Amino acid sequence: MFKLHYVKLFFVPILWGGALVAGRVVAPNLPPFTTAFLRFMAVSLFLLPFLYAREGGFPRLSRRSALLLVVLSFTGVMMFNFFLFSGLRTVTAVRSAVFIAFTPSVVAMASALFFRERVNLLMGIGIVAAFAGAVITITDGNIGRVLSKAVSTGDLFLLGCVVMWTIYSITAKFAMGELAPFTLLTYGSLLGSLLMVPFVLWEGAIFSLHTQPPEVWFGLLYLSIGAAGIAYLWYYEGIKAVGAPRATIFLNLEPVAAMVLGIVILGERVTLPVLIGAVLVICGLLLTNYRPKKAKK
C-alpha cells in the first residue's frame, strides 16, 4: 500500500508539470478567465462527490473561514490562473517552469517576514540562488533588459503568478486552522469559478466553445481532471499515508517534469541562460526546503 502511495506521489509533480504544457496549447485559443473557469468548474464537479463521501456531508463554514476562503479563491484560483494563462500565451512551458519553481523561495521569504519563521544559512543561500536564477531567466542572461524595461509582458504575468501564490500560501496557513486541506481545495475551486463568471461573460469566448479544435478540449480535460483533480487527490492521499515532509520532497520534480515535457511534446528549445537559471532555481528550491534530520541522542 505504501509503495502505491509513493508511485502516486511520483506522478503528482509530473501531472502538475504537464499543466504548463497543456496551458501552452489552450492559452492561445481561449482567453485566461474562460480557461480558468472551465478548469475549476470541472474540478469542482469532480471533487464534490469525494468531499461528500469523505466527510459524510458538506462541511459548514464559520464567518472567519468563509472570509479566508474568499481570499484563497481570489488569489489562488482566480488571479493566479488569470496571470498563468495570460503568461502562457507568449512564454514557453520551459521558461514558465522556472518562474513557478521560484515561488517556494518567495513564500519562504514572506513567511520569514510575516511569521518570523527562522531562515537558516542553507535557506538563505537557496533564496538567493533562486532569485538569481529567476533574474537570469527573465532577462535571458541580459541583466540590462531590466534597466531598459524590456522585460516581456508574459514575464510580468508570470511574476504576478508568484505574487498571487505567495499571498495564497500565507492565507492558507490561517485557513488550514479552520478547515481541512481537501475541503479548502474543493470549496476554493467552486467559489473561484463563481467569482470568474462576470469576467467569463465579458470575454465572450464561452459562447463559441464548439468552434475549438480537439487539442484544446484535451488540454482543458487534462488541466481540470488530471492536473487539478487527480493530482491533488493523490497528493493529499500521500500526505495522509507517508506524512507531509516525505510527500513534499516529490514536488521538487515539478519544474524538471515541465521542462522535459515542454521539450518532448512541444519541441521547445532551451537557451543557455534559461538552463543556467533553471539549475539555480531548482538548487535554490532544494536548499529552501531542506530539513536536516535531528541527531539521535
Protein backbone atom coordinates (compact mmCIF):
# COMPACT_ATOMS: atom_id res chain seq x y z
CA MET A 1 0.00 0.00 0.00
CA PHE A 2 2.81 2.40 0.92
CA LYS A 3 4.60 1.62 -2.35
CA LEU A 4 1.44 2.58 -4.25
CA HIS A 5 1.32 5.94 -2.46
CA TYR A 6 4.95 6.59 -3.41
CA VAL A 7 4.14 5.79 -7.05
CA LYS A 8 1.23 8.25 -6.93
CA LEU A 9 3.41 10.90 -5.28
CA PHE A 10 5.99 10.43 -8.03
CA PHE A 11 3.38 11.16 -10.71
CA VAL A 12 1.84 14.16 -8.91
CA PRO A 13 4.58 16.66 -9.90
CA ILE A 14 4.63 15.17 -13.41
CA LEU A 15 0.90 15.87 -13.72
CA TRP A 16 1.40 19.40 -12.40
CA GLY A 17 4.38 19.97 -14.69
CA GLY A 18 2.28 18.79 -17.61
CA ALA A 19 -0.27 21.51 -16.79
CA LEU A 20 2.18 24.11 -18.13
CA VAL A 21 2.42 22.17 -21.39
CA ALA A 22 -1.37 21.82 -21.65
CA GLY A 23 -1.70 25.52 -20.81
CA ARG A 24 0.55 26.37 -23.76
CA VAL A 25 -1.90 24.52 -26.02
CA VAL A 26 -5.06 26.04 -24.55
CA ALA A 27 -3.98 29.63 -23.76
CA PRO A 28 -3.53 30.89 -27.37
CA ASN A 29 -7.04 29.67 -28.23
CA LEU A 30 -9.07 30.73 -25.20
CA PRO A 31 -8.90 33.89 -23.03
CA PRO A 32 -7.50 33.40 -19.50
CA PHE A 33 -10.65 33.74 -17.37
CA THR A 34 -12.58 31.37 -19.65
CA THR A 35 -9.79 28.78 -19.45
CA ALA A 36 -9.55 29.07 -15.65
CA PHE A 37 -13.34 28.93 -15.24
CA LEU A 38 -13.73 25.77 -17.32
CA ARG A 39 -10.81 24.20 -15.49
CA PHE A 40 -12.04 24.81 -11.96
CA MET A 41 -15.72 24.30 -12.59
CA ALA A 42 -14.84 20.84 -13.90
CA VAL A 43 -12.58 20.29 -10.86
CA SER A 44 -15.40 21.31 -8.52
CA LEU A 45 -17.84 18.85 -10.07
CA PHE A 46 -15.14 16.17 -9.87
CA LEU A 47 -14.18 16.80 -6.23
CA LEU A 48 -17.59 17.50 -4.63
CA PRO A 49 -18.67 13.81 -4.53
CA PHE A 50 -15.30 12.85 -2.98
CA LEU A 51 -15.68 15.56 -0.33
CA TYR A 52 -19.23 14.45 0.50
CA ALA A 53 -18.16 10.79 0.80
CA ARG A 54 -15.07 11.64 2.86
CA GLU A 55 -16.79 13.99 5.32
CA GLY A 56 -20.24 12.37 5.35
CA GLY A 57 -21.71 15.64 4.12
CA PHE A 58 -20.56 19.12 3.16
CA PRO A 59 -18.63 20.87 5.99
CA ARG A 60 -20.16 24.11 7.29
CA LEU A 61 -18.21 27.34 7.24
CA SER A 62 -17.77 29.83 10.05
CA ARG A 63 -17.68 33.54 9.22
CA ARG A 64 -13.89 33.58 9.60
CA SER A 65 -13.33 30.50 7.43
CA ALA A 66 -15.68 31.91 4.77
CA LEU A 67 -13.70 35.15 4.64
CA LEU A 68 -10.40 33.26 4.36
CA LEU A 69 -11.91 31.09 1.65
CA VAL A 70 -12.80 34.18 -0.38
CA VAL A 71 -9.19 35.41 -0.19
CA LEU A 72 -7.87 31.96 -1.14
CA SER A 73 -10.28 31.67 -4.07
CA PHE A 74 -9.48 35.17 -5.33
CA THR A 75 -5.69 34.80 -5.15
CA GLY A 76 -5.00 31.09 -5.68
CA VAL A 77 -7.79 30.20 -8.13
CA MET A 78 -8.95 33.35 -9.92
CA MET A 79 -5.94 35.68 -10.18
CA PHE A 80 -3.16 33.07 -10.17
CA ASN A 81 -4.74 31.29 -13.11
CA PHE A 82 -5.53 34.55 -14.90
CA PHE A 83 -1.85 35.50 -14.72
CA LEU A 84 -0.74 31.94 -15.57
CA PHE A 85 -2.83 31.53 -18.72
CA SER A 86 -2.14 35.13 -19.79
CA GLY A 87 1.60 34.44 -19.48
CA LEU A 88 1.43 31.09 -21.25
CA ARG A 89 0.12 32.82 -24.37
CA THR A 90 3.63 34.04 -25.11
CA VAL A 91 6.02 32.31 -22.65
CA THR A 92 7.21 28.75 -23.26
CA ALA A 93 6.43 25.93 -20.84
CA VAL A 94 10.16 25.52 -20.19
CA ARG A 95 10.61 29.19 -19.26
CA SER A 96 7.40 29.34 -17.22
CA ALA A 97 8.53 26.27 -15.24
CA VAL A 98 11.45 28.30 -13.88
CA PHE A 99 9.09 31.06 -12.72
CA ILE A 100 6.78 28.61 -10.95
CA ALA A 101 9.76 26.87 -9.33
CA PHE A 102 10.90 30.24 -7.97
CA THR A 103 7.66 30.61 -5.97
CA PRO A 104 8.57 28.49 -2.86
CA SER A 105 11.61 30.69 -2.22
CA VAL A 106 9.42 33.80 -2.30
CA VAL A 107 6.94 32.10 0.04
CA ALA A 108 9.83 31.29 2.42
CA MET A 109 10.90 34.96 2.39
CA ALA A 110 7.34 36.13 3.02
CA SER A 111 6.91 33.64 5.87
CA ALA A 112 10.12 34.92 7.46
CA LEU A 113 8.84 38.50 7.21
CA PHE A 114 5.24 37.99 8.32
CA PHE A 115 5.51 34.99 10.65
CA ARG A 116 9.09 35.47 11.78
CA GLU A 117 9.88 31.94 10.71
CA ARG A 118 13.56 31.19 11.06
CA VAL A 119 15.69 31.29 7.91
CA ASN A 120 18.91 29.29 8.38
CA LEU A 121 22.05 29.67 6.27
CA LEU A 122 21.09 26.98 3.74
CA MET A 123 17.63 28.50 3.25
CA GLY A 124 19.20 31.93 2.80
CA ILE A 125 21.58 30.60 0.15
CA GLY A 126 18.66 28.83 -1.52
CA ILE A 127 16.57 32.01 -1.65
CA VAL A 128 19.45 33.99 -3.16
CA ALA A 129 20.18 31.22 -5.71
CA ALA A 130 16.52 31.00 -6.74
CA PHE A 131 16.28 34.78 -7.07
CA ALA A 132 19.44 34.89 -9.21
CA GLY A 133 18.09 32.07 -11.39
CA ALA A 134 14.78 33.87 -11.86
CA VAL A 135 16.54 37.12 -12.87
CA ILE A 136 18.74 35.26 -15.39
CA THR A 137 15.64 33.57 -16.83
CA ILE A 138 13.57 36.76 -17.01
CA THR A 139 16.34 38.71 -18.71
CA ASP A 140 17.55 35.75 -20.82
CA GLY A 141 21.01 36.39 -19.44
CA ASN A 142 20.99 40.10 -20.26
CA ILE A 143 20.59 41.98 -16.96
CA GLY A 144 20.46 45.25 -18.88
CA ARG A 145 16.94 44.29 -20.05
CA VAL A 146 15.62 45.09 -16.58
CA LEU A 147 17.19 48.55 -16.66
CA SER A 148 15.87 49.20 -20.17
CA LYS A 149 12.38 47.95 -19.18
CA ALA A 150 12.44 45.41 -22.00
CA VAL A 151 11.04 42.55 -19.90
CA SER A 152 8.15 40.94 -21.80
CA THR A 153 4.51 41.23 -20.79
CA GLY A 154 4.36 37.43 -20.47
CA ASP A 155 7.19 37.52 -17.94
CA LEU A 156 5.31 40.14 -15.90
CA PHE A 157 2.19 37.97 -15.93
CA LEU A 158 4.20 35.02 -14.57
CA LEU A 159 5.69 37.26 -11.88
CA GLY A 160 2.07 38.03 -10.99
CA CYS A 161 1.62 34.25 -10.51
CA VAL A 162 4.44 34.28 -7.98
CA VAL A 163 2.88 37.19 -6.05
CA MET A 164 -0.62 35.66 -6.04
CA TRP A 165 0.61 32.24 -4.90
CA THR A 166 2.64 33.82 -2.12
CA ILE A 167 -0.44 35.62 -0.79
CA TYR A 168 -2.42 32.40 -1.20
CA SER A 169 0.18 30.40 0.76
CA ILE A 170 0.29 32.90 3.63
CA THR A 171 -3.52 32.95 3.83
CA ALA A 172 -3.62 29.14 3.71
CA LYS A 173 -1.59 28.99 6.93
CA PHE A 174 -4.54 30.62 8.71
CA ALA A 175 -7.24 28.81 6.71
CA MET A 176 -5.92 25.32 7.48
CA GLY A 177 -6.53 26.02 11.13
CA GLU A 178 -10.21 26.35 10.25
CA LEU A 179 -10.80 23.75 7.51
CA ALA A 180 -9.19 20.56 6.23
CA PRO A 181 -7.00 20.95 3.10
CA PHE A 182 -9.30 18.86 0.91
CA THR A 183 -12.28 20.97 1.95
CA LEU A 184 -10.34 24.15 1.15
CA LEU A 185 -9.41 22.77 -2.26
CA THR A 186 -12.96 21.77 -3.17
CA TYR A 187 -14.73 24.86 -1.84
CA GLY A 188 -11.97 27.13 -3.18
CA SER A 189 -12.31 25.68 -6.67
CA LEU A 190 -16.09 26.16 -6.64
CA LEU A 191 -16.01 29.69 -5.22
CA GLY A 192 -13.15 30.70 -7.52
CA SER A 193 -15.20 29.52 -10.50
CA LEU A 194 -18.19 31.59 -9.40
CA LEU A 195 -16.03 34.70 -8.89
CA MET A 196 -14.90 34.44 -12.51
CA VAL A 197 -18.38 34.26 -14.05
CA PRO A 198 -18.74 38.04 -14.79
CA PHE A 199 -15.29 38.12 -16.43
CA VAL A 200 -16.05 34.98 -18.44
CA LEU A 201 -19.23 36.56 -19.78
CA TRP A 202 -17.27 39.73 -20.59
CA GLU A 203 -14.68 37.73 -22.57
CA GLY A 204 -17.49 36.10 -24.56
CA ALA A 205 -15.50 33.04 -25.64
CA ILE A 206 -17.74 30.74 -23.61
CA PHE A 207 -20.42 31.13 -26.31
CA SER A 208 -18.19 29.78 -29.09
CA LEU A 209 -16.58 26.79 -27.41
CA HIS A 210 -17.96 24.48 -30.11
CA THR A 211 -15.51 26.02 -32.58
CA GLN A 212 -12.43 25.00 -30.60
CA PRO A 213 -10.19 22.24 -32.04
CA PRO A 214 -9.92 18.84 -30.30
CA GLU A 215 -6.48 19.57 -28.81
CA VAL A 216 -7.96 22.45 -26.81
CA TRP A 217 -10.60 20.17 -25.31
CA PHE A 218 -8.00 17.54 -24.46
CA GLY A 219 -5.89 20.30 -22.87
CA LEU A 220 -8.82 21.51 -20.77
CA LEU A 221 -9.63 17.96 -19.69
CA TYR A 222 -6.04 17.45 -18.59
CA LEU A 223 -5.85 20.81 -16.79
CA SER A 224 -9.01 20.08 -14.82
CA ILE A 225 -9.38 16.37 -14.12
CA GLY A 226 -5.70 15.46 -14.45
CA ALA A 227 -3.63 18.31 -13.04
CA ALA A 228 -6.14 19.87 -10.63
CA GLY A 229 -8.29 16.84 -9.78
CA ILE A 230 -6.43 13.52 -9.71
CA ALA A 231 -3.06 15.11 -8.84
CA TYR A 232 -4.45 16.87 -5.75
CA LEU A 233 -6.32 13.74 -4.66
CA TRP A 234 -3.14 11.68 -4.89
CA TYR A 235 -1.14 14.39 -3.15
CA TYR A 236 -3.45 14.54 -0.14
CA GLU A 237 -3.64 10.74 -0.01
CA GLY A 238 0.17 10.70 0.01
CA ILE A 239 0.36 13.24 2.84
CA LYS A 240 -2.02 11.11 4.88
CA ALA A 241 -0.09 7.90 4.18
CA VAL A 242 3.58 8.94 4.44
CA GLY A 243 3.45 12.38 6.07
CA ALA A 244 3.86 15.91 4.72
CA PRO A 245 7.71 16.08 4.88
CA ARG A 246 8.18 12.99 2.69
CA ALA A 247 5.33 13.93 0.33
CA THR A 248 6.65 17.47 -0.20
CA ILE A 249 10.05 16.20 -1.37
CA PHE A 250 8.44 14.89 -4.55
CA LEU A 251 7.34 18.41 -5.56
CA ASN A 252 10.94 19.22 -6.46
CA LEU A 253 10.34 17.15 -9.61
CA GLU A 254 7.69 19.56 -10.95
CA PRO A 255 9.93 22.10 -12.75
CA VAL A 256 12.07 19.30 -14.17
CA ALA A 257 8.96 17.48 -15.44
CA ALA A 258 7.58 20.67 -17.01
CA MET A 259 10.85 21.39 -18.80
CA VAL A 260 11.23 17.83 -20.12
CA LEU A 261 7.59 17.67 -21.29
CA GLY A 262 7.88 21.08 -22.94
CA ILE A 263 10.91 19.91 -24.91
CA VAL A 264 9.50 16.48 -25.82
CA ILE A 265 5.86 17.34 -26.54
CA LEU A 266 6.04 20.94 -27.78
CA GLY A 267 9.53 20.84 -29.23
CA GLU A 268 10.61 23.90 -27.24
CA ARG A 269 14.26 24.96 -27.20
CA VAL A 270 16.27 25.59 -24.05
CA THR A 271 18.66 28.52 -24.24
CA LEU A 272 21.82 28.51 -22.12
CA PRO A 273 20.62 31.39 -19.83
CA VAL A 274 17.31 29.59 -19.19
CA LEU A 275 19.17 26.36 -18.44
CA ILE A 276 21.52 28.16 -16.01
CA GLY A 277 18.54 29.91 -14.42
CA ALA A 278 16.68 26.61 -14.09
CA VAL A 279 19.64 24.94 -12.37
CA LEU A 280 19.97 27.84 -9.92
CA VAL A 281 16.22 27.91 -9.18
CA ILE A 282 15.99 24.14 -8.68
CA CYS A 283 19.08 24.17 -6.41
CA GLY A 284 17.52 27.06 -4.51
CA LEU A 285 14.28 25.11 -4.24
CA LEU A 286 16.10 22.11 -2.77
CA LEU A 287 18.05 24.24 -0.28
CA THR A 288 14.98 26.24 0.76
CA ASN A 289 13.02 23.07 1.52
CA TYR A 290 15.91 21.12 3.07
CA ARG A 291 15.25 19.98 6.60
CA PRO A 292 18.22 18.31 8.34
CA LYS A 293 17.46 15.17 10.32
CA LYS A 294 17.70 15.58 14.06
CA ALA A 295 20.66 13.76 15.52
CA LYS A 296 19.81 10.84 17.77
CA LYS A 297 20.86 11.12 21.37
